[in-house]
Amino acid sequence: MTESTGVFLYSRVMTFAECSRMTLPVDLLSLCTSVPPAQRPIAQAYIWDSASPLNRFPAPKFSPTVNKLAEEFAIKAVEAQPLDYARAVWDDTVRSFDWNRQVFPNGQTYDEYLFGYHSLAIPGSAYHGYPSPEAYYARGNPSTVVVNPFAELIRVYQRYVWLPGTLYGLILLVGLAGVVIRWRRAGRDALLPWLCSVALVVAPAATAEFDYRYVTTAVPFACLAAAMAFGRRARDEHPDAAGAAGTSADDAISPGGPGGPGGPGAPGGPAGDGAGGESGSAAGLPRRIPGGGLRDGLANAGHNQRDLAPDAP
């Protein structure tokens, strides 16, 4: 799809891929690693870490040649180890439904989702005539500004207002139940947003790696699906034009009905009322995880902080 699809899929399989269980052509052997799967870091390390086998090829990393080789390697790994691949996808997907937030994939990335007290300095590194790659993509000054009192409101909000992943899972189950139970009425309409929500948490786990930013976009679709499935009006219960105005067609002509002889609004009839029917790490800002354990006020990333070990010579 892009010049990075294969690279990211390669990082996904490198958490479990064993070249000894695969039949590889010579041009893919350079993508193997001698580090045992149990000692490997998280998937994204195989893209950004300097010890990644991808760096054995000439730069740039995101080029058609490297991307094609990485994609071929990844496909062979999935074909040779389908159960290991399924387990990797499952393990990353269920992270979306944990009650407590974990620091993942690492502290640096997690901190970027917290609103800090100060803007982060952007390292200078000339890129295509701009002072930094960020300036190149922004075509100008990429720095952000922290403005109070609005920034303080956001910091208070992020500290106390949060949706546990388990509740997100329950919302998904409610939506699924509505799709099944009310299929002939509102269920069919609710299926699309429900599938969108599921895809937003499964697709990253299957093609790259879990990240909390994907859950943020998945939650509204799950809520929409549940609301559509169990909404007050079913798919075939839309009122006609007369009903939209507060009366039905039958009421408009029936005796005693609105507008009918002797009805409200008719001459001589009773009077009616007319009514119808979740930034980078900042000084003094701990990585607080709502409902999770803190160690000295900071989140402990545990094994997710593991560095990518170089291959044995």
C-alpha atoms as a PDB file:
ATOM      1  CA  MET A   1       0.000   0.000   0.000  1.00  0.00           C
ATOM      2  CA  THR A   2       2.836   2.403   0.884  1.00  0.00           C
ATOM      3  CA  GLU A   3       6.613   2.298   1.132  1.00  0.00           C
ATOM      4  CA  SER A   4       6.307   1.544   4.852  1.00  0.00           C
ATOM      5  CA  THR A   5       3.688  -1.232   4.913  1.00  0.00           C
ATOM      6  CA  GLY A   6       6.241  -4.010   4.691  1.00  0.00           C
ATOM      7  CA  VAL A   7       8.569  -2.370   7.192  1.00  0.00           C
ATOM      8  CA  PHE A   8       5.865  -2.164   9.858  1.00  0.00           C
ATOM      9  CA  LEU A   9       4.647  -5.700   9.177  1.00  0.00           C
ATOM     10  CA  TYR A  10       8.258  -6.860   9.529  1.00  0.00           C
ATOM     11  CA  SER A  11       8.435  -5.238  12.966  1.00  0.00           C
ATOM     12  CA  ARG A  12       5.224  -7.077  13.914  1.00  0.00           C
ATOM     13  CA  VAL A  13       6.578 -10.543  13.126  1.00  0.00           C
ATOM     14  CA  MET A  14      10.027  -9.915  14.588  1.00  0.00           C
ATOM     15  CA  THR A  15       8.665 -10.404  18.089  1.00  0.00           C
ATOM     16  CA  PHE A  16       8.343 -14.133  17.310  1.00  0.00           C
ATOM     17  CA  ALA A  17       9.894 -14.939  13.906  1.00  0.00           C
ATOM     18  CA  GLU A  18      12.545 -17.682  13.917  1.00  0.00           C
ATOM     19  CA  CYS A  19      14.470 -18.086  10.698  1.00  0.00           C
ATOM     20  CA  SER A  20      15.287 -21.686  11.577  1.00  0.00           C
ATOM     21  CA  ARG A  21      11.602 -22.493  11.044  1.00  0.00           C
ATOM     22  CA  MET A  22      11.372 -20.655   7.729  1.00  0.00           C
ATOM     23  CA  THR A  23      12.624 -21.327   4.209  1.00  0.00           C
ATOM     24  CA  LEU A  24      14.176 -18.075   3.073  1.00  0.00           C
ATOM     25  CA  PRO A  25      15.926 -16.996  -0.105  1.00  0.00           C
ATOM     26  CA  VAL A  26      19.421 -15.579   0.236  1.00  0.00           C
ATOM     27  CA  ASP A  27      18.332 -11.947  -0.090  1.00  0.00           C
ATOM     28  CA  LEU A  28      16.130 -12.230   3.020  1.00  0.00           C
ATOM     29  CA  LEU A  29      18.667 -13.832   5.339  1.00  0.00           C
ATOM     30  CA  SER A  30      20.007 -10.414   6.352  1.00  0.00           C
ATOM     31  CA  LEU A  31      16.674  -9.724   8.070  1.00  0.00           C
ATOM     32  CA  CYS A  32      17.131 -12.575  10.532  1.00  0.00           C
ATOM     33  CA  THR A  33      18.274 -12.118  14.113  1.00  0.00           C
ATOM     34  CA  SER A  34      20.073 -14.450  16.503  1.00  0.00           C
ATOM     35  CA  VAL A  35      18.315 -13.017  19.568  1.00  0.00           C
ATOM     36  CA  PRO A  36      15.837 -15.580  21.022  1.00  0.00           C
ATOM     37  CA  PRO A  37      12.172 -14.476  20.859  1.00  0.00           C
ATOM     38  CA  ALA A  38      11.861 -14.448  24.656  1.00  0.00           C
ATOM     39  CA  GLN A  39      14.642 -11.845  24.874  1.00  0.00           C
ATOM     40  CA  ARG A  40      13.433  -9.539  22.119  1.00  0.00           C
ATOM     41  CA  PRO A  41      12.037  -6.048  22.710  1.00  0.00           C
ATOM     42  CA  ILE A  42       8.732  -4.624  21.504  1.00  0.00           C
ATOM     43  CA  ALA A  43       7.919  -4.571  17.809  1.00  0.00           C
ATOM     44  CA  GLN A  44       8.673  -0.941  17.064  1.00  0.00           C
ATOM     45  CA  ALA A  45      12.293  -1.387  18.130  1.00  0.00           C
ATOM     46  CA  TYR A  46      12.810  -3.288  14.888  1.00  0.00           C
ATOM     47  CA  ILE A  47      12.047  -0.107  12.979  1.00  0.00           C
ATOM     48  CA  TRP A  48      13.615   2.689  14.966  1.00  0.00           C
ATOM     49  CA  ASP A  49      16.465   1.094  16.911  1.00  0.00           C
ATOM     50  CA  SER A  50      19.935   1.365  15.401  1.00  0.00           C
ATOM     51  CA  ALA A  51      20.489  -2.379  15.956  1.00  0.00           C
ATOM     52  CA  SER A  52      17.542  -3.325  13.737  1.00  0.00           C
ATOM     53  CA  PRO A  53      18.414  -5.710  10.889  1.00  0.00           C
ATOM     54  CA  LEU A  54      16.688  -3.241   8.571  1.00  0.00           C
ATOM     55  CA  ASN A  55      19.716  -0.992   8.971  1.00  0.00           C
ATOM     56  CA  ARG A  56      21.854  -3.579   7.201  1.00  0.00           C
ATOM     57  CA  PHE A  57      20.444  -2.265   3.936  1.00  0.00           C
ATOM     58  CA  PRO A  58      21.445   1.063   2.369  1.00  0.00           C
ATOM     59  CA  ALA A  59      19.395   4.049   3.510  1.00  0.00           C
ATOM     60  CA  PRO A  60      16.682   5.165   3.330  1.00  0.00           C
ATOM     61  CA  LYS A  61      14.830   2.557   5.353  1.00  0.00           C
ATOM     62  CA  PHE A  62      11.454   3.464   3.871  1.00  0.00           C
ATOM     63  CA  SER A  63      12.317   2.745   0.268  1.00  0.00           C
ATOM     64  CA  PRO A  64      10.589   0.441  -2.242  1.00  0.00           C
ATOM     65  CA  THR A  65      13.450  -2.094  -2.129  1.00  0.00           C
ATOM     66  CA  VAL A  66      13.702  -2.405   1.648  1.00  0.00           C
ATOM     67  CA  ASN A  67       9.921  -2.330   2.026  1.00  0.00           C
ATOM     68  CA  LYS A  68       9.495  -5.168  -0.487  1.00  0.00           C
ATOM     69  CA  LEU A  69      12.112  -7.369   1.196  1.00  0.00           C
ATOM     70  CA  ALA A  70      10.645  -6.686   4.646  1.00  0.00           C
ATOM     71  CA  GLU A  71       7.151  -7.549   3.426  1.00  0.00           C
ATOM     72  CA  GLU A  72       8.320 -10.814   1.862  1.00  0.00           C
ATOM     73  CA  PHE A  73      10.070 -11.775   5.089  1.00  0.00           C
ATOM     74  CA  ALA A  74       6.984 -10.967   7.152  1.00  0.00           C
ATOM     75  CA  ILE A  75       4.675 -13.015   4.933  1.00  0.00           C
ATOM     76  CA  LYS A  76       6.976 -16.032   5.137  1.00  0.00           C
ATOM     77  CA  ALA A  77       7.111 -15.664   8.929  1.00  0.00           C
ATOM     78  CA  VAL A  78       3.317 -15.643   9.185  1.00  0.00           C
ATOM     79  CA  GLU A  79       3.034 -18.648   6.883  1.00  0.00           C
ATOM     80  CA  ALA A  80       5.633 -20.603   8.858  1.00  0.00           C
ATOM     81  CA  GLN A  81       4.372 -19.601  12.328  1.00  0.00           C
ATOM     82  CA  PRO A  82       0.637 -18.803  12.052  1.00  0.00           C
ATOM     83  CA  LEU A  83      -0.118 -19.633  15.694  1.00  0.00           C
ATOM     84  CA  ASP A  84       2.700 -17.427  16.960  1.00  0.00           C
ATOM     85  CA  TYR A  85       1.416 -14.620  14.783  1.00  0.00           C
ATOM     86  CA  ALA A  86      -2.142 -15.109  16.070  1.00  0.00           C
ATOM     87  CA  ARG A  87      -0.895 -14.993  19.652  1.00  0.00           C
ATOM     88  CA  ALA A  88       1.052 -11.776  19.016  1.00  0.00           C
ATOM     89  CA  VAL A  89      -2.055 -10.147  17.524  1.00  0.00           C
ATOM     90  CA  TRP A  90      -4.219 -11.392  20.387  1.00  0.00           C
ATOM     91  CA  ASP A  91      -1.821 -10.182  23.089  1.00  0.00           C
ATOM     92  CA  ASP A  92      -1.687  -6.699  21.596  1.00  0.00           C
ATOM     93  CA  THR A  93      -5.436  -6.510  20.956  1.00  0.00           C
ATOM     94  CA  VAL A  94      -6.459  -7.384  24.517  1.00  0.00           C
ATOM     95  CA  ARG A  95      -4.350  -4.498  25.810  1.00  0.00           C
ATOM     96  CA  SER A  96      -7.209  -2.283  24.646  1.00  0.00           C
ATOM     97  CA  PHE A  97      -9.487  -3.836  27.272  1.00  0.00           C
ATOM     98  CA  ASP A  98      -7.271  -3.674  30.366  1.00  0.00           C
ATOM     99  CA  TRP A  99      -8.833  -1.832  33.287  1.00  0.00           C
ATOM    100  CA  ASN A 100      -5.587  -0.072  34.167  1.00  0.00           C
ATOM    101  CA  ARG A 101      -3.411   1.832  31.761  1.00  0.00           C
ATOM    102  CA  GLN A 102       0.066   0.427  31.229  1.00  0.00           C
ATOM    103  CA  VAL A 103       3.038   2.406  29.991  1.00  0.00           C
ATOM    104  CA  PHE A 104       3.215   1.071  26.448  1.00  0.00           C
ATOM    105  CA  PRO A 105       5.018   0.845  24.128  1.00  0.00           C
ATOM    106  CA  ASN A 106       7.564   2.804  26.187  1.00  0.00           C
ATOM    107  CA  GLY A 107       7.761   5.748  28.528  1.00  0.00           C
ATOM    108  CA  GLN A 108       8.757   8.239  25.841  1.00  0.00           C
ATOM    109  CA  THR A 109       5.803   7.415  23.610  1.00  0.00           C
ATOM    110  CA  TYR A 110       3.365   7.220  26.529  1.00  0.00           C
ATOM    111  CA  ASP A 111       4.442  10.649  27.779  1.00  0.00           C
ATOM    112  CA  GLU A 112       3.646  12.166  24.403  1.00  0.00           C
ATOM    113  CA  TYR A 113      -0.035  11.549  25.136  1.00  0.00           C
ATOM    114  CA  LEU A 114       0.086  13.573  28.366  1.00  0.00           C
ATOM    115  CA  PHE A 115      -0.496  17.312  28.306  1.00  0.00           C
ATOM    116  CA  GLY A 116       2.574  18.882  29.934  1.00  0.00           C
ATOM    117  CA  TYR A 117       3.493  22.175  31.525  1.00  0.00           C
ATOM    118  CA  HIS A 118       5.961  23.290  28.884  1.00  0.00           C
ATOM    119  CA  SER A 119       6.393  22.906  25.154  1.00  0.00           C
ATOM    120  CA  LEU A 120       8.987  20.367  24.132  1.00  0.00           C
ATOM    121  CA  ALA A 121      12.150  21.487  22.449  1.00  0.00           C
ATOM    122  CA  ILE A 122      12.511  20.076  18.951  1.00  0.00           C
ATOM    123  CA  PRO A 123      16.029  18.829  18.204  1.00  0.00           C
ATOM    124  CA  GLY A 124      17.635  20.636  15.305  1.00  0.00           C
ATOM    125  CA  SER A 125      18.630  18.466  12.369  1.00  0.00           C
ATOM    126  CA  ALA A 126      18.686  20.035   8.922  1.00  0.00           C
ATOM    127  CA  TYR A 127      16.260  18.355   6.548  1.00  0.00           C
ATOM    128  CA  HIS A 128      15.469  19.448   2.977  1.00  0.00           C
ATOM    129  CA  GLY A 129      16.319  23.062   3.675  1.00  0.00           C
ATOM    130  CA  TYR A 130      14.464  23.227   7.009  1.00  0.00           C
ATOM    131  CA  PRO A 131      15.997  23.244  10.516  1.00  0.00           C
ATOM    132  CA  SER A 132      14.341  19.905  11.415  1.00  0.00           C
ATOM    133  CA  PRO A 133      12.207  17.156   9.860  1.00  0.00           C
ATOM    134  CA  GLU A 134       9.261  18.463  11.910  1.00  0.00           C
ATOM    135  CA  ALA A 135       9.692  21.916  10.374  1.00  0.00           C
ATOM    136  CA  TYR A 136       9.808  20.333   6.925  1.00  0.00           C
ATOM    137  CA  TYR A 137       6.496  18.509   7.417  1.00  0.00           C
ATOM    138  CA  ALA A 138       4.875  21.601   8.971  1.00  0.00           C
ATOM    139  CA  ARG A 139       6.404  23.873   6.331  1.00  0.00           C
ATOM    140  CA  GLY A 140       7.153  26.317   9.131  1.00  0.00           C
ATOM    141  CA  ASN A 141       7.656  26.514  12.881  1.00  0.00           C
ATOM    142  CA  PRO A 142       6.479  23.191  14.368  1.00  0.00           C
ATOM    143  CA  SER A 143       6.695  24.279  18.007  1.00  0.00           C
ATOM    144  CA  THR A 144       3.545  24.225  20.118  1.00  0.00           C
ATOM    145  CA  VAL A 145       2.521  26.683  22.838  1.00  0.00           C
ATOM    146  CA  VAL A 146       1.061  25.836  26.261  1.00  0.00           C
ATOM    147  CA  VAL A 147      -1.583  28.468  27.070  1.00  0.00           C
ATOM    148  CA  ASN A 148      -3.089  28.799  30.550  1.00  0.00           C
ATOM    149  CA  PRO A 149      -5.713  28.596  32.010  1.00  0.00           C
ATOM    150  CA  PHE A 150      -6.862  26.267  29.236  1.00  0.00           C
ATOM    151  CA  ALA A 151      -3.836  24.031  29.570  1.00  0.00           C
ATOM    152  CA  GLU A 152      -4.482  23.592  33.293  1.00  0.00           C
ATOM    153  CA  LEU A 153      -8.063  22.518  32.593  1.00  0.00           C
ATOM    154  CA  ILE A 154      -6.786  19.838  30.219  1.00  0.00           C
ATOM    155  CA  ARG A 155      -4.239  18.615  32.780  1.00  0.00           C
ATOM    156  CA  VAL A 156      -6.941  18.279  35.435  1.00  0.00           C
ATOM    157  CA  TYR A 157      -9.212  16.532  32.959  1.00  0.00           C
ATOM    158  CA  GLN A 158      -6.610  13.967  31.929  1.00  0.00           C
ATOM    159  CA  ARG A 159      -5.815  13.209  35.562  1.00  0.00           C
ATOM    160  CA  TYR A 160      -9.366  12.408  36.692  1.00  0.00           C
ATOM    161  CA  VAL A 161     -11.475  11.679  33.607  1.00  0.00           C
ATOM    162  CA  TRP A 162     -10.755   8.457  31.771  1.00  0.00           C
ATOM    163  CA  LEU A 163     -12.471   5.434  30.276  1.00  0.00           C
ATOM    164  CA  PRO A 164     -11.142   2.062  31.481  1.00  0.00           C
ATOM    165  CA  GLY A 165     -10.504  -0.359  28.651  1.00  0.00           C
ATOM    166  CA  THR A 166     -12.811  -2.878  30.280  1.00  0.00           C
ATOM    167  CA  LEU A 167     -15.754  -0.483  29.903  1.00  0.00           C
ATOM    168  CA  TYR A 168     -14.869  -0.021  26.256  1.00  0.00           C
ATOM    169  CA  GLY A 169     -15.088  -3.795  25.905  1.00  0.00           C
ATOM    170  CA  LEU A 170     -18.524  -3.807  27.541  1.00  0.00           C
ATOM    171  CA  ILE A 171     -19.708  -1.118  25.140  1.00  0.00           C
ATOM    172  CA  LEU A 172     -18.556  -3.314  22.261  1.00  0.00           C
ATOM    173  CA  LEU A 173     -20.487  -6.266  23.685  1.00  0.00           C
ATOM    174  CA  VAL A 174     -23.624  -4.153  24.066  1.00  0.00           C
ATOM    175  CA  GLY A 175     -23.325  -3.037  20.455  1.00  0.00           C
ATOM    176  CA  LEU A 176     -22.791  -6.607  19.268  1.00  0.00           C
ATOM    177  CA  ALA A 177     -25.842  -7.787  21.207  1.00  0.00           C
ATOM    178  CA  GLY A 178     -27.896  -5.043  19.613  1.00  0.00           C
ATOM    179  CA  VAL A 179     -26.690  -5.984  16.135  1.00  0.00           C
ATOM    180  CA  VAL A 180     -27.729  -9.611  16.670  1.00  0.00           C
ATOM    181  CA  ILE A 181     -30.972  -9.120  18.588  1.00  0.00           C
ATOM    182  CA  ARG A 182     -32.309  -6.224  16.516  1.00  0.00           C
ATOM    183  CA  TRP A 183     -30.855  -7.276  13.156  1.00  0.00           C
ATOM    184  CA  ARG A 184     -34.113  -6.803  11.229  1.00  0.00           C
ATOM    185  CA  ARG A 185     -34.746  -3.393  12.724  1.00  0.00           C
ATOM    186  CA  ALA A 186     -31.695  -1.302  13.705  1.00  0.00           C
ATOM    187  CA  GLY A 187     -29.025  -3.999  13.911  1.00  0.00           C
ATOM    188  CA  ARG A 188     -27.981  -3.859  10.274  1.00  0.00           C
ATOM    189  CA  ASP A 189     -27.310  -0.133  10.462  1.00  0.00           C
ATOM    190  CA  ALA A 190     -25.285  -0.542  13.658  1.00  0.00           C
ATOM    191  CA  LEU A 191     -23.009  -3.212  12.183  1.00  0.00           C
ATOM    192  CA  LEU A 192     -20.807  -0.814  10.215  1.00  0.00           C
ATOM    193  CA  PRO A 193     -19.723   1.432  13.133  1.00  0.00           C
ATOM    194  CA  TRP A 194     -19.275  -1.680  15.283  1.00  0.00           C
ATOM    195  CA  LEU A 195     -16.923  -3.226  12.719  1.00  0.00           C
ATOM    196  CA  CYS A 196     -15.050   0.079  12.412  1.00  0.00           C
ATOM    197  CA  SER A 197     -14.424   0.092  16.157  1.00  0.00           C
ATOM    198  CA  VAL A 198     -13.137  -3.484  16.151  1.00  0.00           C
ATOM    199  CA  ALA A 199     -10.952  -2.866  13.110  1.00  0.00           C
ATOM    200  CA  LEU A 200      -9.322   0.157  14.745  1.00  0.00           C
ATOM    201  CA  VAL A 201      -7.950  -1.975  17.595  1.00  0.00           C
ATOM    202  CA  VAL A 202      -7.273  -5.215  15.703  1.00  0.00           C
ATOM    203  CA  ALA A 203      -5.659  -3.843  12.538  1.00  0.00           C
ATOM    204  CA  PRO A 204      -2.766  -2.061  14.302  1.00  0.00           C
ATOM    205  CA  ALA A 205      -2.074  -5.166  16.385  1.00  0.00           C
ATOM    206  CA  ALA A 206      -2.053  -7.293  13.228  1.00  0.00           C
ATOM    207  CA  THR A 207       0.079  -5.024  11.059  1.00  0.00           C
ATOM    208  CA  ALA A 208       2.346  -3.126  13.448  1.00  0.00           C
ATOM    209  CA  GLU A 209       1.779  -2.793  17.193  1.00  0.00           C
ATOM    210  CA  PHE A 210      -0.800  -1.719  19.749  1.00  0.00           C
ATOM    211  CA  ASP A 211      -0.971   1.951  20.642  1.00  0.00           C
ATOM    212  CA  TYR A 212      -3.425   3.867  22.841  1.00  0.00           C
ATOM    213  CA  ARG A 213      -4.085   6.427  20.139  1.00  0.00           C
ATOM    214  CA  TYR A 214      -5.985   3.807  18.158  1.00  0.00           C
ATOM    215  CA  VAL A 215      -8.290   3.057  21.090  1.00  0.00           C
ATOM    216  CA  THR A 216      -9.140   6.754  21.340  1.00  0.00           C
ATOM    217  CA  THR A 217     -10.626   6.689  17.848  1.00  0.00           C
ATOM    218  CA  ALA A 218     -12.277   3.285  18.307  1.00  0.00           C
ATOM    219  CA  VAL A 219     -14.412   4.219  21.328  1.00  0.00           C
ATOM    220  CA  PRO A 220     -16.782   6.676  19.545  1.00  0.00           C
ATOM    221  CA  PHE A 221     -17.635   4.071  16.905  1.00  0.00           C
ATOM    222  CA  ALA A 222     -18.470   1.509  19.590  1.00  0.00           C
ATOM    223  CA  CYS A 223     -20.734   4.005  21.356  1.00  0.00           C
ATOM    224  CA  LEU A 224     -22.416   4.896  18.061  1.00  0.00           C
ATOM    225  CA  ALA A 225     -23.086   1.236  17.286  1.00  0.00           C
ATOM    226  CA  ALA A 226     -24.668   0.629  20.697  1.00  0.00           C
ATOM    227  CA  ALA A 227     -26.805   3.769  20.416  1.00  0.00           C
ATOM    228  CA  MET A 228     -27.986   2.888  16.916  1.00  0.00           C
ATOM    229  CA  ALA A 229     -28.814  -0.704  17.833  1.00  0.00           C
ATOM    230  CA  PHE A 230     -30.849   0.170  20.912  1.00  0.00           C
ATOM    231  CA  GLY A 231     -32.101   3.582  19.814  1.00  0.00           C
ATOM    232  CA  ARG A 232     -35.719   4.580  20.424  1.00  0.00           C
ATOM    233  CA  ARG A 233     -36.671   4.293  16.782  1.00  0.00           C
ATOM    234  CA  ALA A 234     -35.963   1.205  14.722  1.00  0.00           C
ATOM    235  CA  ARG A 235     -34.982   1.348  11.085  1.00  0.00           C
ATOM    236  CA  ASP A 236     -38.531   1.006   9.727  1.00  0.00           C
ATOM    237  CA  GLU A 237     -40.227   3.190  12.304  1.00  0.00           C
ATOM    238  CA  HIS A 238     -39.545   6.611  10.832  1.00  0.00           C
ATOM    239  CA  PRO A 239     -42.553   8.947  11.062  1.00  0.00           C
ATOM    240  CA  ASP A 240     -44.086  10.394   7.933  1.00  0.00           C
ATOM    241  CA  ALA A 241     -44.330  14.079   7.253  1.00  0.00           C
ATOM    242  CA  ALA A 242     -47.502  14.456   9.261  1.00  0.00           C
ATOM    243  CA  GLY A 243     -45.953  12.638  12.214  1.00  0.00           C
ATOM    244  CA  ALA A 244     -42.894  14.859  12.050  1.00  0.00           C
ATOM    245  CA  ALA A 245     -45.177  17.802  12.661  1.00  0.00           C
ATOM    246  CA  GLY A 246     -46.566  16.152  15.798  1.00  0.00           C
ATOM    247  CA  THR A 247     -49.599  14.350  14.351  1.00  0.00           C
ATOM    248  CA  SER A 248     -50.158  11.182  12.396  1.00  0.00           C
ATOM    249  CA  ALA A 249     -52.151  11.018   9.171  1.00  0.00           C
ATOM    250  CA  ASP A 250     -54.938   9.080  10.942  1.00  0.00           C
ATOM    251  CA  ASP A 251     -55.124  11.619  13.755  1.00  0.00           C
ATOM    252  CA  ALA A 252     -55.448  14.417  11.244  1.00  0.00           C
ATOM    253  CA  ILE A 253     -58.752  13.093   9.878  1.00  0.00           C
ATOM    254  CA  SER A 254     -60.233  10.989  12.645  1.00  0.00           C
ATOM    255  CA  PRO A 255     -63.041  12.329  14.826  1.00  0.00           C
ATOM    256  CA  GLY A 256     -61.650  13.484  18.124  1.00  0.00           C
ATOM    257  CA  GLY A 257     -58.152  13.516  16.763  1.00  0.00           C
ATOM    258  CA  PRO A 258     -56.102  16.668  16.320  1.00  0.00           C
ATOM    259  CA  GLY A 259     -57.702  18.650  13.554  1.00  0.00           C
ATOM    260  CA  GLY A 260     -60.703  16.301  13.373  1.00  0.00           C
ATOM    261  CA  PRO A 261     -64.254  17.191  14.352  1.00  0.00           C
ATOM    262  CA  GLY A 262     -64.387  17.768  18.071  1.00  0.00           C
ATOM    263  CA  GLY A 263     -60.674  17.306  18.414  1.00  0.00           C
ATOM    264  CA  PRO A 264     -58.123  19.733  19.769  1.00  0.00           C
ATOM    265  CA  GLY A 265     -57.590  22.605  17.411  1.00  0.00           C
ATOM    266  CA  ALA A 266     -60.938  22.113  15.659  1.00  0.00           C
ATOM    267  CA  PRO A 267     -63.641  24.800  15.859  1.00  0.00           C
ATOM    268  CA  GLY A 268     -65.638  24.121  18.972  1.00  0.00           C
ATOM    269  CA  GLY A 269     -63.278  21.437  20.114  1.00  0.00           C
ATOM    270  CA  PRO A 270     -61.186  21.464  23.289  1.00  0.00           C
ATOM    271  CA  ALA A 271     -58.219  23.737  23.319  1.00  0.00           C
ATOM    272  CA  GLY A 272     -54.890  22.038  22.708  1.00  0.00           C
ATOM    273  CA  ASP A 273     -51.366  23.068  23.460  1.00  0.00           C
ATOM    274  CA  GLY A 274     -50.259  22.628  19.847  1.00  0.00           C
ATOM    275  CA  ALA A 275     -47.511  20.146  20.769  1.00  0.00           C
ATOM    276  CA  GLY A 276     -46.759  17.105  18.705  1.00  0.00           C
ATOM    277  CA  GLY A 277     -45.163  14.017  19.828  1.00  0.00           C
ATOM    278  CA  GLU A 278      -6.631  11.744  25.945  1.00  0.00           C
ATOM    279  CA  SER A 279       2.596  15.526  24.995  1.00  0.00           C
ATOM    280  CA  GLY A 280       5.791  14.601  25.786  1.00  0.00           C
ATOM    281  CA  SER A 281       7.361  14.242  29.226  1.00  0.00           C
ATOM    282  CA  ALA A 282       7.496  17.531  31.103  1.00  0.00           C
ATOM    283  CA  ALA A 283       9.223  18.562  34.295  1.00  0.00           C
ATOM    284  CA  GLY A 284       7.043  17.982  37.319  1.00  0.00           C
ATOM    285  CA  LEU A 285       4.460  15.947  35.416  1.00  0.00           C
ATOM    286  CA  PRO A 286       4.409  12.311  36.543  1.00  0.00           C
ATOM    287  CA  ARG A 287       3.212   9.584  34.273  1.00  0.00           C
ATOM    288  CA  ARG A 288      -0.008   9.041  36.152  1.00  0.00           C
ATOM    289  CA  ILE A 289      -2.023   6.022  35.141  1.00  0.00           C
ATOM    290  CA  PRO A 290      -5.602   6.235  36.422  1.00  0.00           C
ATOM    291  CA  GLY A 291      -6.404   3.158  38.440  1.00  0.00           C
ATOM    292  CA  GLY A 292      -2.907   1.792  37.931  1.00  0.00           C
ATOM    293  CA  GLY A 293       0.003   1.363  40.258  1.00  0.00           C
ATOM    294  CA  LEU A 294       2.604   4.088  40.541  1.00  0.00           C
ATOM    295  CA  ARG A 295       6.113   3.675  41.762  1.00  0.00           C
ATOM    296  CA  ASP A 296       7.476   6.863  43.316  1.00  0.00           C
ATOM    297  CA  GLY A 297       4.871   8.794  41.355  1.00  0.00           C
ATOM    298  CA  LEU A 298       6.078   7.452  38.017  1.00  0.00           C
ATOM    299  CA  ALA A 299       4.769   4.646  35.876  1.00  0.00           C
ATOM    300  CA  ASN A 300       6.944   1.592  35.602  1.00  0.00           C
ATOM    301  CA  ALA A 301       7.165   0.317  32.043  1.00  0.00           C
ATOM    302  CA  GLY A 302       8.843  -2.947  33.079  1.00  0.00           C
ATOM    303  CA  HIS A 303       9.987  -5.195  30.256  1.00  0.00           C
ATOM    304  CA  ASN A 304       8.626  -2.792  27.642  1.00  0.00           C
ATOM    305  CA  GLN A 305      11.706  -0.640  28.223  1.00  0.00           C
ATOM    306  CA  ARG A 306      13.989  -3.458  27.037  1.00  0.00           C
ATOM    307  CA  ASP A 307      16.603  -2.302  24.551  1.00  0.00           C
ATOM    308  CA  LEU A 308      17.221  -4.061  21.279  1.00  0.00           C
ATOM    309  CA  ALA A 309      20.263  -6.258  21.794  1.00  0.00           C
ATOM    310  CA  PRO A 310      22.717  -6.473  18.891  1.00  0.00           C
ATOM    311  CA  ASP A 311      23.123  -9.814  17.169  1.00  0.00           C
ATOM    312  CA  ALA A 312      25.997 -12.047  18.080  1.00  0.00           C
ATOM    313  CA  PRO A 313      28.909 -11.735  15.612  1.00  0.00           C
END
